[in-house]
Amino acid sequence: MATDSRLKELKSALRAVLADNDAIVDHAGATREEGGPEVQVQAKHVEAFRGNLAKAREIRAEIEALEGMGEIRSWAEGMTAPVAQTKSGLIVPQGSKSLGEQFVESDEFKAIAGGKSGYTMHAPFQVNGSFSSHWGRKDVYTGLPSGTPTDFGSPQREGIVERQKRTMRVRELFDVQQTNSNMVEYFRVSGFTNNASTVAERNDANNAFGVKPQSSMTVVGVQAPVRTIAHYEVAHRNVLDDEPTLRGIIDNELLYGLRLVEDDQILNGNGVGQNLTGIRSTSGIQTSTWSSGVADDTRLDAIRRGITKSLLAYYEPTGMIVHPNDLEDIELSKDANLNYLMVMSVSMGADARLWRLPIVSTPAITEGKVLLGSFGVGATLYDRMEGNIRVSEQHSDFFVRNAVAVLAEERIALAVKRPESFVEVTLDSAPA
């Protein structure tokens, strides 16, 4: 054909131009071999060398254009190539195998032949080439933009801004331990009468040995069942593969959701059904109210009197849990001269503390309530299974929809062993 003849002519011309440049280079090298201190190249040779390079570029561009037309012609010829019909009725070019035949002959299909693996493929069948191509042949549109905006330029990709999370956790006040059981059994001391006193060696009246007094302790066996906190999110498998950042956000949000429920369960769980028995729902914890104080008591005073109750039970408080609105009222408290009562600790950037105790400020506790006590001694939080993430497509019809379930789950138990070490202060109203 004329195109092929023209290609041969251009390629021959290109070889001649390149050979001419080689001769110029060889001439310069020969000059040096004759003993000259440096290579001497005449101006006419430099000009000829540059002219040959320009000519070579033009010839190469024309060759590439003609070869591109050849690819299009090959595609057109492929569309009219002899065809054959497979057993399934699919029409394919002669000498080719249909995708169905390739699948049946693949190692992936043979691995499940006979149902030995439960008819579940553990590895996907990879198709060589593109479904849009003619069994490996390039189609006329290969390489052209597909129409998505990113194909026409380089867009600026902005990172996903995650929402702010509650930073302080209730569990941070606890002694957290591990357990391998689904039930934690422990003894709770619900009462103790201390009758210890000095004792005489002998009774002067009857010369008998002194009798020691008896104290009484009430011990109750209690069970703390391990409870499961879980939820899941649905996502498209391609999204998780293509957007690892989004996958990380999904995982983090799910784990964060577990922590929110965990905070609520530790404080407020009512013990009914699958709920934990939270500290505030445990019988035996002490209570105190702001209104039962003396005249001119502030919220700060009410909390300090609650600390005293814990100390009188011989437990050193280790922290307190306060609602953010209550903490705001406390930090904004002023004296008669409108001076802030907590100005020193706030202005110096100290940790959030009240009466030398660390604070967890969280909406998980009811507004108007403050829980303080000896968290390290009075109660123990048990992790049966720490928060984890699992992904599976084996749910409903997810497999055929390319969907996956991202599951977050944890298992915990709470044992309140010394209820009297905790004091719930109610910030109801100032004393009359």
Protein backbone atom coordinates (compact mmCIF):
# COMPACT_ATOMS: atom_id res chain seq x y z
CA MET A 1 0.00 0.00 0.00
CA ALA A 2 0.97 3.63 -0.44
CA THR A 3 1.30 4.15 3.31
CA ASP A 4 3.77 1.28 3.69
CA SER A 5 5.82 2.52 0.74
CA ARG A 6 5.96 6.00 2.23
CA LEU A 7 7.06 4.58 5.61
CA LYS A 8 9.96 2.71 3.99
CA GLU A 9 11.03 5.86 2.16
CA LEU A 10 10.95 7.97 5.35
CA LYS A 11 12.87 5.42 7.38
CA SER A 12 15.55 5.21 4.69
CA ALA A 13 15.85 9.01 4.66
CA LEU A 14 16.13 9.05 8.47
CA ARG A 15 18.97 6.53 8.39
CA ALA A 16 20.81 8.62 5.79
CA VAL A 17 20.53 11.79 7.90
CA LEU A 18 21.77 10.04 11.00
CA ALA A 19 24.64 8.49 9.06
CA ASP A 20 25.65 11.94 7.84
CA ASN A 21 25.85 13.15 11.46
CA ASP A 22 27.88 10.08 12.39
CA ALA A 23 30.37 11.01 9.67
CA ILE A 24 30.74 14.51 11.12
CA VAL A 25 31.45 13.04 14.55
CA ASP A 26 33.94 10.55 13.12
CA HIS A 27 35.77 13.38 11.32
CA ALA A 28 36.16 15.26 14.63
CA GLY A 29 37.50 12.13 16.32
CA ALA A 30 40.00 11.54 13.50
CA THR A 31 41.35 15.07 13.92
CA ARG A 32 42.18 14.32 17.56
CA GLU A 33 43.89 11.01 16.71
CA GLU A 34 46.31 12.81 14.37
CA GLY A 35 47.92 14.45 17.41
CA GLY A 36 46.00 17.72 17.77
CA PRO A 37 45.71 18.93 21.36
CA GLU A 38 41.97 19.50 21.01
CA VAL A 39 39.20 18.52 18.64
CA GLN A 40 38.92 21.12 15.90
CA VAL A 41 35.44 21.34 14.31
CA GLN A 42 34.79 23.79 11.53
CA ALA A 43 31.74 26.07 11.65
CA LYS A 44 30.26 24.54 8.50
CA HIS A 45 30.30 21.11 10.13
CA VAL A 46 28.47 22.43 13.22
CA GLU A 47 25.83 24.05 11.04
CA ALA A 48 25.39 20.86 9.03
CA PHE A 49 25.08 18.78 12.22
CA ARG A 50 22.32 21.02 13.58
CA GLY A 51 20.49 21.03 10.24
CA ASN A 52 20.53 17.24 10.15
CA LEU A 53 19.02 17.09 13.68
CA ALA A 54 16.13 19.34 12.66
CA LYS A 55 15.52 17.27 9.53
CA ALA A 56 15.60 14.05 11.58
CA ARG A 57 12.91 15.41 13.94
CA GLU A 58 10.60 16.22 11.03
CA ILE A 59 11.06 12.79 9.46
CA ARG A 60 10.46 11.02 12.79
CA ALA A 61 7.24 12.98 13.40
CA GLU A 62 5.90 11.96 9.99
CA ILE A 63 6.84 8.32 10.63
CA GLU A 64 5.01 8.29 13.95
CA ALA A 65 1.90 9.80 12.35
CA LEU A 66 1.83 7.13 9.62
CA GLU A 67 2.39 4.32 12.13
CA GLY A 68 -0.59 5.62 14.17
CA MET A 69 -2.80 5.28 11.10
CA GLY A 70 -1.51 1.71 10.78
CA GLU A 71 -2.80 0.86 14.26
CA ILE A 72 -6.25 2.15 13.36
CA ARG A 73 -6.21 0.06 10.19
CA SER A 74 -5.23 -3.05 12.15
CA TRP A 75 -8.17 -2.46 14.50
CA ALA A 76 -10.56 -2.13 11.56
CA GLU A 77 -9.21 -5.33 10.01
CA GLY A 78 -9.63 -7.11 13.35
CA MET A 79 -13.32 -6.24 13.40
CA THR A 80 -13.82 -8.18 10.16
CA ALA A 81 -11.53 -11.08 11.09
CA PRO A 82 -12.88 -14.62 10.72
CA VAL A 83 -15.02 -15.61 13.68
CA ALA A 84 -16.07 -18.80 15.39
CA GLN A 85 -18.98 -19.70 17.64
CA THR A 86 -18.37 -21.19 21.09
CA LYS A 87 -20.58 -23.83 22.69
CA SER A 88 -22.31 -21.11 24.66
CA GLY A 89 -23.21 -19.30 21.46
CA LEU A 90 -20.74 -16.45 22.00
CA ILE A 91 -19.14 -15.20 18.76
CA VAL A 92 -15.35 -14.68 19.11
CA PRO A 93 -12.46 -14.30 16.66
CA GLN A 94 -10.92 -17.57 15.49
CA GLY A 95 -7.98 -18.65 17.60
CA SER A 96 -9.34 -16.78 20.66
CA LYS A 97 -10.94 -18.12 23.82
CA SER A 98 -14.03 -16.60 25.32
CA LEU A 99 -13.90 -15.17 28.82
CA GLY A 100 -16.06 -18.06 29.96
CA GLU A 101 -13.57 -20.60 28.60
CA GLN A 102 -10.69 -18.71 30.20
CA PHE A 103 -12.53 -18.73 33.53
CA VAL A 104 -13.26 -22.49 33.46
CA GLU A 105 -9.61 -23.24 32.64
CA SER A 106 -8.27 -20.88 35.32
CA ASP A 107 -6.57 -22.03 38.54
CA GLU A 108 -9.07 -20.01 40.56
CA PHE A 109 -12.01 -22.01 39.18
CA LYS A 110 -10.23 -25.34 39.48
CA ALA A 111 -9.62 -24.60 43.19
CA ILE A 112 -13.36 -24.74 43.86
CA ALA A 113 -14.17 -27.60 41.47
CA GLY A 114 -16.21 -30.22 43.29
CA GLY A 115 -17.15 -27.88 46.11
CA LYS A 116 -14.13 -28.77 48.23
CA SER A 117 -13.73 -25.17 49.32
CA GLY A 118 -17.40 -24.60 49.89
CA TYR A 119 -17.91 -23.04 46.44
CA THR A 120 -16.35 -19.81 47.67
CA MET A 121 -13.52 -18.34 45.64
CA HIS A 122 -10.72 -17.16 47.91
CA ALA A 123 -8.98 -15.30 45.07
CA PRO A 124 -10.62 -13.36 42.20
CA PHE A 125 -10.29 -14.44 38.55
CA GLN A 126 -8.18 -11.80 36.79
CA VAL A 127 -9.15 -10.95 33.21
CA ASN A 128 -6.18 -10.12 30.97
CA GLY A 129 -6.88 -7.03 28.91
CA SER A 130 -9.97 -4.86 28.96
CA PHE A 131 -13.63 -5.73 28.45
CA SER A 132 -13.86 -2.72 26.16
CA SER A 133 -11.05 -4.02 23.91
CA HIS A 134 -11.49 -6.62 21.16
CA TRP A 135 -9.79 -9.55 22.97
CA GLY A 136 -6.51 -7.70 23.51
CA ARG A 137 -6.69 -5.43 20.45
CA LYS A 138 -6.66 -1.70 21.14
CA ASP A 139 -9.87 0.05 20.26
CA VAL A 140 -9.89 3.34 18.41
CA TYR A 141 -10.63 5.33 21.59
CA THR A 142 -7.82 3.90 23.71
CA GLY A 143 -5.90 6.72 25.36
CA LEU A 144 -8.60 9.34 24.90
CA PRO A 145 -10.12 11.07 27.97
CA SER A 146 -12.95 9.07 29.55
CA GLY A 147 -14.94 12.12 30.54
CA THR A 148 -14.15 12.34 34.25
CA PRO A 149 -12.80 15.75 35.30
CA THR A 150 -9.50 14.31 36.56
CA ASP A 151 -8.61 13.15 33.03
CA PHE A 152 -8.40 16.75 31.79
CA GLY A 153 -5.99 18.07 34.37
CA SER A 154 -4.54 17.71 37.82
CA PRO A 155 -7.19 18.80 40.35
CA GLN A 156 -6.17 20.05 43.74
CA ARG A 157 -7.03 17.32 46.25
CA GLU A 158 -8.04 18.67 49.63
CA GLY A 159 -7.81 16.42 52.67
CA ILE A 160 -10.95 15.31 54.49
CA VAL A 161 -11.52 17.33 57.63
CA GLU A 162 -12.49 14.99 60.44
CA ARG A 163 -14.97 16.17 63.03
CA GLN A 164 -13.75 17.01 66.48
CA LYS A 165 -13.94 14.22 69.03
CA ARG A 166 -14.44 14.08 72.75
CA THR A 167 -10.87 13.96 74.02
CA MET A 168 -11.37 12.91 77.65
CA ARG A 169 -12.45 9.37 78.40
CA VAL A 170 -14.09 8.08 81.55
CA ARG A 171 -11.92 4.96 81.40
CA GLU A 172 -8.83 7.11 81.95
CA LEU A 173 -9.73 7.31 85.66
CA PHE A 174 -9.90 3.54 86.11
CA ASP A 175 -7.59 0.68 86.85
CA VAL A 176 -8.15 -1.28 83.62
CA GLN A 177 -7.42 -5.00 83.64
CA GLN A 178 -7.74 -7.87 81.13
CA THR A 179 -10.03 -10.87 81.46
CA ASN A 180 -10.40 -14.11 79.48
CA SER A 181 -13.86 -14.90 80.83
CA ASN A 182 -17.37 -13.81 79.93
CA MET A 183 -18.17 -13.23 83.61
CA VAL A 184 -16.22 -11.55 86.41
CA GLU A 185 -17.13 -12.71 89.91
CA TYR A 186 -16.01 -10.65 92.89
CA PHE A 187 -16.87 -9.85 96.51
CA ARG A 188 -18.40 -6.51 97.40
CA VAL A 189 -18.07 -5.26 100.97
CA SER A 190 -21.37 -3.58 101.61
CA GLY A 191 -20.96 -2.86 105.33
CA PHE A 192 -18.38 -2.89 108.09
CA THR A 193 -18.84 -2.31 111.82
CA ASN A 194 -15.55 -1.65 113.55
CA ASN A 195 -15.64 -2.70 117.22
CA ALA A 196 -11.89 -2.76 117.75
CA SER A 197 -10.87 -1.53 121.22
CA THR A 198 -8.27 -1.99 123.92
CA VAL A 199 -8.54 -5.27 125.80
CA ALA A 200 -7.32 -6.19 129.28
CA GLU A 201 -5.15 -9.25 129.62
CA ARG A 202 -7.27 -10.51 132.54
CA ASN A 203 -10.63 -9.68 134.05
CA ASP A 204 -10.01 -8.45 137.58
CA ALA A 205 -13.40 -9.72 138.82
CA ASN A 206 -12.94 -13.38 137.96
CA ASN A 207 -9.29 -13.43 136.98
CA ALA A 208 -10.24 -14.69 133.49
CA PHE A 209 -8.53 -13.75 130.27
CA GLY A 210 -9.89 -10.67 128.53
CA VAL A 211 -12.46 -11.23 125.79
CA LYS A 212 -11.82 -9.53 122.44
CA PRO A 213 -14.70 -7.64 120.80
CA GLN A 214 -16.09 -8.81 117.46
CA SER A 215 -16.44 -6.56 114.43
CA SER A 216 -18.87 -7.36 111.62
CA MET A 217 -18.40 -7.17 107.86
CA THR A 218 -21.08 -7.76 105.25
CA VAL A 219 -19.68 -9.39 102.10
CA VAL A 220 -21.82 -10.04 99.04
CA GLY A 221 -20.82 -12.12 96.03
CA VAL A 222 -21.50 -10.19 92.83
CA GLN A 223 -21.21 -11.05 89.15
CA ALA A 224 -20.20 -8.56 86.49
CA PRO A 225 -21.09 -9.97 83.05
CA VAL A 226 -19.02 -9.02 80.02
CA ARG A 227 -21.11 -6.94 77.64
CA THR A 228 -20.60 -6.32 73.95
CA ILE A 229 -20.69 -2.86 72.39
CA ALA A 230 -20.73 -2.94 68.59
CA HIS A 231 -21.94 -1.27 65.40
CA TYR A 232 -21.08 -1.38 61.70
CA GLU A 233 -20.97 0.82 58.62
CA VAL A 234 -21.58 -0.15 55.00
CA ALA A 235 -19.16 0.97 52.30
CA HIS A 236 -18.42 0.14 48.68
CA ARG A 237 -15.36 -2.08 48.34
CA ASN A 238 -13.90 0.16 45.64
CA VAL A 239 -14.08 3.18 47.92
CA LEU A 240 -12.02 1.42 50.58
CA ASP A 241 -9.47 0.31 47.96
CA ASP A 242 -9.21 3.66 46.20
CA GLU A 243 -9.40 5.98 49.19
CA PRO A 244 -7.26 4.68 52.07
CA THR A 245 -7.74 7.97 53.90
CA LEU A 246 -11.50 7.48 53.84
CA ARG A 247 -11.03 3.93 55.13
CA GLY A 248 -9.05 5.29 58.08
CA ILE A 249 -11.77 7.81 58.89
CA ILE A 250 -14.46 5.12 58.82
CA ASP A 251 -12.41 2.96 61.18
CA ASN A 252 -11.72 5.84 63.55
CA GLU A 253 -15.33 7.01 63.59
CA LEU A 254 -16.56 3.50 64.40
CA LEU A 255 -14.07 3.10 67.24
CA TYR A 256 -14.98 6.55 68.52
CA GLY A 257 -18.64 5.53 68.55
CA LEU A 258 -17.77 2.61 70.83
CA ARG A 259 -16.07 4.98 73.27
CA LEU A 260 -19.10 7.24 73.46
CA VAL A 261 -21.36 4.34 74.44
CA GLU A 262 -18.69 3.00 76.80
CA ASP A 263 -18.61 6.31 78.70
CA ASP A 264 -22.39 6.25 79.08
CA GLN A 265 -22.48 2.60 80.19
CA ILE A 266 -19.78 3.03 82.84
CA LEU A 267 -21.64 5.95 84.37
CA ASN A 268 -25.32 5.36 83.66
CA GLY A 269 -25.84 1.70 82.65
CA ASN A 270 -28.94 0.36 84.45
CA GLY A 271 -27.97 -3.31 84.44
CA VAL A 272 -31.10 -4.32 82.51
CA GLY A 273 -30.74 -6.61 79.51
CA GLN A 274 -27.33 -6.19 77.90
CA ASN A 275 -26.46 -3.01 79.80
CA LEU A 276 -23.66 -2.73 82.31
CA THR A 277 -24.48 -1.74 85.88
CA GLY A 278 -22.91 1.71 85.92
CA ILE A 279 -21.48 3.40 89.00
CA ARG A 280 -24.42 5.77 89.42
CA SER A 281 -26.83 2.79 89.31
CA THR A 282 -24.90 0.78 91.89
CA SER A 283 -26.53 0.61 95.32
CA GLY A 284 -24.37 1.81 98.18
CA ILE A 285 -22.70 4.86 96.64
CA GLN A 286 -22.85 7.99 98.77
CA THR A 287 -24.80 11.12 97.83
CA SER A 288 -24.59 14.80 98.69
CA THR A 289 -26.51 17.90 97.60
CA TRP A 290 -25.55 21.55 97.22
CA SER A 291 -28.76 22.68 98.91
CA SER A 292 -27.93 20.72 102.10
CA GLY A 293 -24.83 22.84 102.75
CA VAL A 294 -24.49 26.01 104.78
CA ALA A 295 -25.43 29.53 103.75
CA ASP A 296 -23.31 31.15 101.02
CA ASP A 297 -22.00 27.76 99.80
CA THR A 298 -21.05 27.78 96.12
CA ARG A 299 -20.84 24.86 93.72
CA LEU A 300 -17.17 24.60 94.63
CA ASP A 301 -18.10 24.26 98.29
CA ALA A 302 -20.65 21.53 97.51
CA ILE A 303 -18.02 19.51 95.66
CA ARG A 304 -15.53 19.94 98.50
CA ARG A 305 -18.07 18.64 101.01
CA GLY A 306 -18.56 15.59 98.77
CA ILE A 307 -14.82 14.96 98.89
CA THR A 308 -15.04 14.97 102.66
CA LYS A 309 -17.66 12.21 102.56
CA SER A 310 -15.30 10.00 100.58
CA LEU A 311 -12.47 10.73 102.99
CA LEU A 312 -14.66 9.87 105.98
CA ALA A 313 -15.23 6.47 104.38
CA TYR A 314 -11.41 6.14 104.39
CA TYR A 315 -11.05 6.41 100.61
CA GLU A 316 -8.80 8.98 98.99
CA PRO A 317 -10.59 10.41 95.91
CA THR A 318 -8.60 10.15 92.69
CA GLY A 319 -10.75 12.12 90.27
CA MET A 320 -14.16 13.48 89.36
CA ILE A 321 -16.49 13.59 86.37
CA VAL A 322 -18.25 16.88 85.58
CA HIS A 323 -20.64 17.97 82.82
CA PRO A 324 -19.13 20.74 80.61
CA ASN A 325 -21.95 23.16 81.49
CA ASP A 326 -21.35 22.67 85.20
CA LEU A 327 -17.62 23.11 84.77
CA GLU A 328 -18.29 26.36 82.93
CA ASP A 329 -20.41 27.64 85.81
CA ILE A 330 -17.71 26.66 88.29
CA GLU A 331 -14.86 28.29 86.37
CA LEU A 332 -16.89 31.46 85.90
CA SER A 333 -17.74 31.73 89.61
CA LYS A 334 -16.89 35.16 91.12
CA ASP A 335 -16.60 36.55 94.60
CA ALA A 336 -18.38 39.64 95.94
CA ASN A 337 -15.87 41.86 94.14
CA LEU A 338 -16.44 40.05 90.82
CA ASN A 339 -13.04 38.39 90.92
CA TYR A 340 -12.85 34.89 89.42
CA LEU A 341 -12.42 32.25 92.12
CA MET A 342 -10.35 30.00 89.82
CA VAL A 343 -8.36 32.72 88.07
CA MET A 344 -4.96 31.39 89.16
CA SER A 345 -5.31 27.84 87.86
CA VAL A 346 -6.98 28.95 84.63
CA SER A 347 -4.56 31.78 83.82
CA MET A 348 -1.50 29.59 84.37
CA GLY A 349 -2.73 26.93 81.96
CA ALA A 350 -2.86 24.20 84.59
CA ASP A 351 -4.55 20.86 84.02
CA ALA A 352 -8.28 20.81 84.63
CA ARG A 353 -8.50 20.22 88.38
CA LEU A 354 -10.88 21.01 91.22
CA TRP A 355 -9.64 20.74 94.80
CA ARG A 356 -6.44 19.09 93.51
CA LEU A 357 -8.37 16.30 91.75
CA PRO A 358 -8.16 15.70 87.98
CA ILE A 359 -11.37 16.30 86.03
CA VAL A 360 -12.95 14.43 83.15
CA SER A 361 -15.41 16.88 81.61
CA THR A 362 -17.90 14.95 79.49
CA PRO A 363 -21.56 15.17 78.42
CA ALA A 364 -21.85 11.48 79.35
CA ILE A 365 -22.77 12.50 82.90
CA THR A 366 -26.10 14.17 83.61
CA GLU A 367 -25.93 17.94 83.92
CA GLY A 368 -26.17 18.98 87.55
CA LYS A 369 -24.40 15.82 88.75
CA VAL A 370 -20.76 15.40 89.77
CA LEU A 371 -19.32 11.94 90.42
CA LEU A 372 -16.15 11.79 92.49
CA GLY A 373 -14.37 9.01 94.28
CA SER A 374 -11.52 6.54 94.43
CA PHE A 375 -11.72 5.17 90.89
CA GLY A 376 -8.56 3.11 91.16
CA VAL A 377 -9.71 1.22 94.27
CA GLY A 378 -13.49 1.41 94.29
CA ALA A 379 -14.05 -0.05 90.81
CA THR A 380 -12.24 -1.97 88.09
CA LEU A 381 -12.87 -1.91 84.34
CA TYR A 382 -12.17 -5.18 82.53
CA ASP A 383 -11.34 -5.51 78.82
CA ARG A 384 -12.41 -8.87 77.42
CA MET A 385 -11.82 -7.64 73.88
CA GLU A 386 -10.47 -4.20 73.15
CA GLY A 387 -11.98 -2.19 70.33
CA ASN A 388 -11.22 -3.74 66.94
CA ILE A 389 -12.24 -3.41 63.30
CA ARG A 390 -13.26 -6.22 60.95
CA VAL A 391 -14.32 -6.06 57.29
CA SER A 392 -16.39 -8.65 55.46
CA GLU A 393 -18.48 -8.96 52.30
CA GLN A 394 -20.30 -12.05 53.66
CA HIS A 395 -23.47 -10.22 54.65
CA SER A 396 -26.84 -10.31 52.89
CA ASP A 397 -26.23 -9.69 49.16
CA PHE A 398 -23.10 -7.59 49.72
CA PHE A 399 -20.91 -9.95 47.66
CA VAL A 400 -22.80 -9.30 44.41
CA ARG A 401 -23.06 -5.59 45.16
CA ASN A 402 -19.35 -5.04 45.83
CA ALA A 403 -20.32 -3.83 49.28
CA VAL A 404 -18.59 -4.57 52.55
CA ALA A 405 -19.58 -4.27 56.19
CA VAL A 406 -17.02 -2.55 58.43
CA LEU A 407 -17.67 -3.76 61.98
CA ALA A 408 -16.35 -2.23 65.20
CA GLU A 409 -16.70 -4.18 68.43
CA GLU A 410 -15.48 -4.31 72.01
CA ARG A 411 -16.34 -6.37 75.12
CA ILE A 412 -16.03 -4.96 78.63
CA ALA A 413 -17.14 -5.58 82.21
CA LEU A 414 -17.36 -3.22 85.20
CA ALA A 415 -16.97 -4.31 88.82
CA VAL A 416 -17.87 -1.72 91.48
CA LYS A 417 -16.21 -3.35 94.48
CA ARG A 418 -16.43 -0.50 97.00
CA PRO A 419 -19.55 1.58 96.33
CA GLU A 420 -19.01 3.76 99.41
CA SER A 421 -15.80 5.12 97.85
CA PHE A 422 -17.93 7.08 95.33
CA VAL A 423 -19.96 10.21 96.06
CA GLU A 424 -22.53 11.70 93.68
CA VAL A 425 -22.93 15.43 94.31
CA THR A 426 -26.15 17.04 93.10
CA LEU A 427 -25.76 20.71 92.15
CA ASP A 428 -29.43 21.51 92.66
CA SER A 429 -29.58 24.97 94.22
CA ALA A 430 -27.69 27.20 96.68
CA PRO A 431 -28.56 26.70 100.36
CA ALA A 432 -31.25 29.03 101.68
